[in-house]
N, C-alpha and C. Protein backbone atom coordinates (compact mmCIF):
# COMPACT_ATOMS: atom_id res chain seq x y z
N MET A 1 -81.54 -91.63 38.77
CA MET A 1 -80.22 -91.50 38.18
C MET A 1 -79.50 -90.34 38.85
N LYS A 2 -78.30 -90.60 39.28
CA LYS A 2 -77.55 -89.61 40.04
C LYS A 2 -76.49 -88.94 39.16
N LEU A 3 -76.35 -87.63 39.37
CA LEU A 3 -75.36 -86.83 38.68
C LEU A 3 -74.19 -86.56 39.61
N SER A 4 -72.99 -86.87 39.14
CA SER A 4 -71.77 -86.53 39.90
C SER A 4 -71.11 -85.35 39.20
N ILE A 5 -71.00 -84.24 39.93
CA ILE A 5 -70.33 -83.05 39.42
C ILE A 5 -68.91 -83.08 39.98
N LEU A 6 -67.93 -83.14 39.09
CA LEU A 6 -66.54 -83.35 39.47
C LEU A 6 -65.72 -82.12 39.12
N ILE A 7 -65.03 -81.57 40.11
CA ILE A 7 -64.26 -80.35 39.91
C ILE A 7 -62.84 -80.55 40.44
N PRO A 8 -61.87 -80.75 39.56
CA PRO A 8 -60.47 -80.79 39.99
C PRO A 8 -59.99 -79.35 40.18
N GLU A 9 -59.14 -79.13 41.18
CA GLU A 9 -58.76 -77.75 41.52
C GLU A 9 -57.33 -77.69 42.04
N PHE A 10 -56.62 -76.63 41.65
CA PHE A 10 -55.28 -76.34 42.19
C PHE A 10 -55.14 -74.83 42.30
N ASN A 11 -55.02 -74.35 43.54
CA ASN A 11 -54.84 -72.92 43.82
C ASN A 11 -55.91 -72.04 43.15
N GLN A 12 -57.12 -72.55 43.07
CA GLN A 12 -58.21 -71.80 42.43
C GLN A 12 -59.43 -71.81 43.35
N MET A 13 -59.90 -70.63 43.72
CA MET A 13 -61.09 -70.54 44.55
C MET A 13 -62.30 -70.97 43.71
N CYS A 14 -62.98 -72.01 44.15
CA CYS A 14 -64.11 -72.50 43.36
C CYS A 14 -65.38 -72.68 44.19
N PHE A 15 -65.40 -72.12 45.40
CA PHE A 15 -66.63 -72.20 46.19
C PHE A 15 -67.81 -71.57 45.46
N PRO A 16 -67.67 -70.38 44.83
CA PRO A 16 -68.82 -69.81 44.13
C PRO A 16 -69.37 -70.73 43.03
N LEU A 17 -68.50 -71.40 42.31
CA LEU A 17 -68.94 -72.35 41.28
C LEU A 17 -69.71 -73.51 41.91
N ALA A 18 -69.13 -74.12 42.94
CA ALA A 18 -69.78 -75.24 43.60
C ALA A 18 -71.12 -74.82 44.21
N PHE A 19 -71.15 -73.63 44.80
CA PHE A 19 -72.38 -73.13 45.41
C PHE A 19 -73.48 -72.96 44.37
N GLU A 20 -73.16 -72.38 43.22
CA GLU A 20 -74.16 -72.16 42.17
C GLU A 20 -74.67 -73.49 41.61
N LEU A 21 -73.76 -74.43 41.37
CA LEU A 21 -74.18 -75.75 40.87
C LEU A 21 -75.05 -76.46 41.90
N HIS A 22 -74.67 -76.35 43.16
CA HIS A 22 -75.45 -76.94 44.26
C HIS A 22 -76.85 -76.33 44.29
N LYS A 23 -76.91 -75.02 44.21
CA LYS A 23 -78.20 -74.31 44.24
C LYS A 23 -79.11 -74.78 43.10
N GLN A 24 -78.56 -74.88 41.91
CA GLN A 24 -79.37 -75.30 40.77
C GLN A 24 -79.84 -76.74 40.92
N CYS A 25 -78.99 -77.61 41.39
CA CYS A 25 -79.39 -79.01 41.59
C CYS A 25 -80.50 -79.12 42.63
N MET A 26 -80.39 -78.35 43.70
CA MET A 26 -81.43 -78.37 44.73
C MET A 26 -82.75 -77.83 44.18
N GLU A 27 -82.69 -76.75 43.42
CA GLU A 27 -83.91 -76.16 42.85
C GLU A 27 -84.60 -77.11 41.88
N GLU A 28 -83.81 -77.84 41.11
CA GLU A 28 -84.36 -78.76 40.11
C GLU A 28 -84.63 -80.15 40.67
N GLN A 29 -84.34 -80.33 41.96
CA GLN A 29 -84.54 -81.60 42.65
C GLN A 29 -83.82 -82.75 41.95
N VAL A 30 -82.59 -82.48 41.55
CA VAL A 30 -81.74 -83.47 40.91
C VAL A 30 -81.03 -84.28 42.00
N GLU A 31 -80.96 -85.58 41.83
CA GLU A 31 -80.15 -86.40 42.73
C GLU A 31 -78.70 -86.20 42.29
N PHE A 32 -77.84 -85.70 43.19
CA PHE A 32 -76.51 -85.29 42.79
C PHE A 32 -75.50 -85.42 43.92
N GLU A 33 -74.26 -85.30 43.53
CA GLU A 33 -73.16 -85.09 44.46
C GLU A 33 -72.18 -84.15 43.78
N ILE A 34 -71.51 -83.37 44.58
CA ILE A 34 -70.44 -82.51 44.07
C ILE A 34 -69.16 -82.95 44.75
N LEU A 35 -68.16 -83.31 43.95
CA LEU A 35 -66.85 -83.69 44.48
C LEU A 35 -65.82 -82.69 43.94
N VAL A 36 -65.18 -82.00 44.85
CA VAL A 36 -64.09 -81.08 44.48
C VAL A 36 -62.82 -81.65 45.07
N ALA A 37 -61.81 -81.86 44.22
CA ALA A 37 -60.53 -82.40 44.68
C ALA A 37 -59.45 -81.33 44.53
N ASP A 38 -58.83 -81.01 45.64
CA ASP A 38 -57.74 -80.04 45.67
C ASP A 38 -56.43 -80.79 45.47
N ASP A 39 -55.66 -80.40 44.47
CA ASP A 39 -54.42 -81.10 44.10
C ASP A 39 -53.22 -80.54 44.86
N ALA A 40 -53.29 -80.59 46.19
CA ALA A 40 -52.21 -80.13 47.07
C ALA A 40 -51.87 -78.66 46.82
N SER A 41 -52.89 -77.82 46.85
CA SER A 41 -52.69 -76.38 46.63
C SER A 41 -51.71 -75.80 47.65
N THR A 42 -51.00 -74.79 47.22
CA THR A 42 -50.02 -74.11 48.08
C THR A 42 -50.56 -72.80 48.64
N ASN A 43 -51.66 -72.31 48.10
CA ASN A 43 -52.28 -71.07 48.57
C ASN A 43 -53.30 -71.44 49.66
N MET A 44 -52.91 -71.27 50.91
CA MET A 44 -53.74 -71.73 52.01
C MET A 44 -55.02 -70.92 52.18
N SER A 45 -55.05 -69.67 51.73
CA SER A 45 -56.30 -68.90 51.82
C SER A 45 -57.33 -69.47 50.83
N VAL A 46 -56.86 -69.93 49.68
CA VAL A 46 -57.75 -70.58 48.70
C VAL A 46 -58.28 -71.88 49.29
N VAL A 47 -57.41 -72.66 49.89
CA VAL A 47 -57.82 -73.94 50.50
C VAL A 47 -58.85 -73.69 51.59
N ALA A 48 -58.61 -72.69 52.43
CA ALA A 48 -59.54 -72.39 53.53
C ALA A 48 -60.91 -72.02 52.99
N ASP A 49 -60.94 -71.21 51.93
CA ASP A 49 -62.23 -70.82 51.34
C ASP A 49 -62.92 -72.03 50.72
N ASN A 50 -62.18 -72.85 50.02
CA ASN A 50 -62.77 -74.02 49.35
C ASN A 50 -63.26 -75.08 50.33
N ARG A 51 -62.72 -75.10 51.53
CA ARG A 51 -63.19 -76.07 52.53
C ARG A 51 -64.67 -75.89 52.84
N ARG A 52 -65.19 -74.70 52.59
CA ARG A 52 -66.63 -74.45 52.82
C ARG A 52 -67.49 -75.33 51.92
N ILE A 53 -66.93 -75.82 50.83
CA ILE A 53 -67.68 -76.70 49.93
C ILE A 53 -68.18 -77.92 50.69
N GLY A 54 -67.36 -78.44 51.59
CA GLY A 54 -67.74 -79.61 52.37
C GLY A 54 -68.92 -79.39 53.30
N GLU A 55 -69.29 -78.12 53.52
CA GLU A 55 -70.44 -77.80 54.37
C GLU A 55 -71.76 -77.85 53.60
N LEU A 56 -71.66 -77.88 52.27
CA LEU A 56 -72.87 -77.96 51.45
C LEU A 56 -73.40 -79.39 51.46
N GLU A 57 -74.71 -79.52 51.49
CA GLU A 57 -75.34 -80.83 51.42
C GLU A 57 -74.96 -81.52 50.12
N CYS A 58 -74.60 -82.78 50.19
CA CYS A 58 -74.24 -83.60 49.02
C CYS A 58 -72.95 -83.13 48.35
N ALA A 59 -72.09 -82.45 49.08
CA ALA A 59 -70.83 -81.96 48.51
C ALA A 59 -69.66 -82.40 49.38
N THR A 60 -68.54 -82.70 48.74
CA THR A 60 -67.34 -83.15 49.42
C THR A 60 -66.14 -82.40 48.88
N PHE A 61 -65.28 -81.95 49.78
CA PHE A 61 -64.03 -81.31 49.40
C PHE A 61 -62.90 -82.25 49.80
N LEU A 62 -62.18 -82.77 48.80
CA LEU A 62 -61.10 -83.72 49.03
C LEU A 62 -59.76 -82.99 48.94
N GLU A 63 -58.96 -83.09 49.98
CA GLU A 63 -57.65 -82.45 49.98
C GLU A 63 -56.56 -83.49 49.79
N GLU A 64 -55.89 -83.42 48.68
CA GLU A 64 -54.79 -84.34 48.39
C GLU A 64 -53.52 -83.87 49.08
N LYS A 65 -52.73 -84.80 49.55
CA LYS A 65 -51.48 -84.47 50.26
C LYS A 65 -50.32 -84.20 49.29
N THR A 66 -50.37 -84.87 48.13
CA THR A 66 -49.32 -84.69 47.13
C THR A 66 -49.95 -84.28 45.81
N HIS A 67 -49.18 -83.53 45.04
CA HIS A 67 -49.65 -83.05 43.74
C HIS A 67 -49.69 -84.23 42.77
N ARG A 68 -50.87 -84.56 42.24
CA ARG A 68 -51.05 -85.69 41.34
C ARG A 68 -50.92 -85.29 39.88
N GLY A 69 -51.29 -84.08 39.57
CA GLY A 69 -51.37 -83.65 38.18
C GLY A 69 -52.80 -83.76 37.69
N ARG A 70 -53.10 -83.03 36.63
CA ARG A 70 -54.46 -82.88 36.14
C ARG A 70 -55.14 -84.21 35.78
N ALA A 71 -54.51 -85.02 34.96
CA ALA A 71 -55.13 -86.27 34.51
C ALA A 71 -55.35 -87.24 35.66
N ALA A 72 -54.36 -87.39 36.51
CA ALA A 72 -54.49 -88.31 37.64
C ALA A 72 -55.58 -87.85 38.61
N LEU A 73 -55.69 -86.54 38.82
CA LEU A 73 -56.71 -86.02 39.72
C LEU A 73 -58.11 -86.26 39.14
N ARG A 74 -58.26 -86.08 37.84
CA ARG A 74 -59.56 -86.36 37.19
C ARG A 74 -59.92 -87.84 37.33
N ASN A 75 -58.96 -88.72 37.11
CA ASN A 75 -59.21 -90.16 37.27
C ASN A 75 -59.59 -90.50 38.69
N HIS A 76 -58.95 -89.85 39.65
CA HIS A 76 -59.26 -90.06 41.07
C HIS A 76 -60.72 -89.65 41.36
N LEU A 77 -61.14 -88.53 40.79
CA LEU A 77 -62.52 -88.09 40.97
C LEU A 77 -63.51 -89.10 40.39
N VAL A 78 -63.20 -89.64 39.23
CA VAL A 78 -64.07 -90.65 38.61
C VAL A 78 -64.20 -91.87 39.52
N GLU A 79 -63.09 -92.29 40.12
CA GLU A 79 -63.12 -93.44 41.03
C GLU A 79 -64.00 -93.17 42.25
N LYS A 80 -64.01 -91.94 42.73
CA LYS A 80 -64.80 -91.58 43.91
C LYS A 80 -66.28 -91.36 43.59
N ALA A 81 -66.58 -91.02 42.35
CA ALA A 81 -67.94 -90.67 41.96
C ALA A 81 -68.90 -91.85 42.14
N GLN A 82 -70.11 -91.53 42.56
CA GLN A 82 -71.14 -92.55 42.75
C GLN A 82 -72.29 -92.42 41.76
N GLY A 83 -72.26 -91.40 40.94
CA GLY A 83 -73.35 -91.16 40.00
C GLY A 83 -73.20 -91.92 38.70
N GLU A 84 -74.32 -92.10 38.01
CA GLU A 84 -74.30 -92.73 36.70
C GLU A 84 -73.84 -91.76 35.61
N PHE A 85 -74.05 -90.47 35.88
CA PHE A 85 -73.65 -89.43 34.93
C PHE A 85 -72.59 -88.55 35.56
N LEU A 86 -71.56 -88.22 34.78
CA LEU A 86 -70.46 -87.40 35.27
C LEU A 86 -70.45 -86.07 34.53
N LEU A 87 -70.30 -85.00 35.29
CA LEU A 87 -70.17 -83.67 34.72
C LEU A 87 -68.89 -83.06 35.27
N PHE A 88 -67.87 -82.91 34.41
CA PHE A 88 -66.63 -82.26 34.82
C PHE A 88 -66.77 -80.77 34.63
N ALA A 89 -66.27 -80.01 35.57
CA ALA A 89 -66.23 -78.55 35.46
C ALA A 89 -64.83 -78.09 35.86
N ASP A 90 -64.26 -77.21 35.06
CA ASP A 90 -62.98 -76.60 35.44
C ASP A 90 -63.21 -75.69 36.63
N SER A 91 -62.25 -75.62 37.51
CA SER A 91 -62.41 -74.86 38.75
C SER A 91 -62.58 -73.36 38.52
N ASP A 92 -62.17 -72.87 37.35
CA ASP A 92 -62.34 -71.44 37.06
C ASP A 92 -63.55 -71.17 36.17
N ALA A 93 -64.40 -72.17 36.01
CA ALA A 93 -65.58 -72.03 35.15
C ALA A 93 -66.61 -71.11 35.79
N ILE A 94 -67.45 -70.56 34.93
CA ILE A 94 -68.58 -69.75 35.37
C ILE A 94 -69.84 -70.40 34.81
N VAL A 95 -70.84 -70.56 35.64
CA VAL A 95 -72.10 -71.15 35.19
C VAL A 95 -72.77 -70.11 34.28
N PRO A 96 -73.07 -70.48 33.03
CA PRO A 96 -73.53 -69.50 32.05
C PRO A 96 -74.89 -68.88 32.35
N ASP A 97 -75.78 -69.63 32.99
CA ASP A 97 -77.09 -69.07 33.32
C ASP A 97 -77.72 -69.92 34.42
N ARG A 98 -78.87 -69.48 34.87
CA ARG A 98 -79.52 -70.17 36.00
C ARG A 98 -80.23 -71.45 35.57
N PHE A 99 -80.15 -71.79 34.30
CA PHE A 99 -80.77 -73.00 33.78
C PHE A 99 -79.73 -74.03 33.34
N TYR A 100 -78.52 -73.90 33.79
CA TYR A 100 -77.44 -74.79 33.36
C TYR A 100 -77.74 -76.25 33.69
N ILE A 101 -78.12 -76.51 34.91
CA ILE A 101 -78.42 -77.89 35.32
C ILE A 101 -79.75 -78.31 34.72
């Protein structure tokens, strides 16, 4: 059973969040994917930092060309997800502990 971790994002640096979730999934040997969708952010330094998410194994950083809005972006992530289980995380979330996954 595969877990899809879905993170919608707009002008929010979320590489640390994605990295921590990735680390925990790898440690627990969970079959997973991380999908982060950028909703046409205007802060290019944030976008540049978040692009590093795509370098993580089983992680994808999707850059939208036009601003979709929160609900539409979440629906888009669901359409892209391949896992049986979906875990949404806000881009400004903090993983509460090392046992979250």
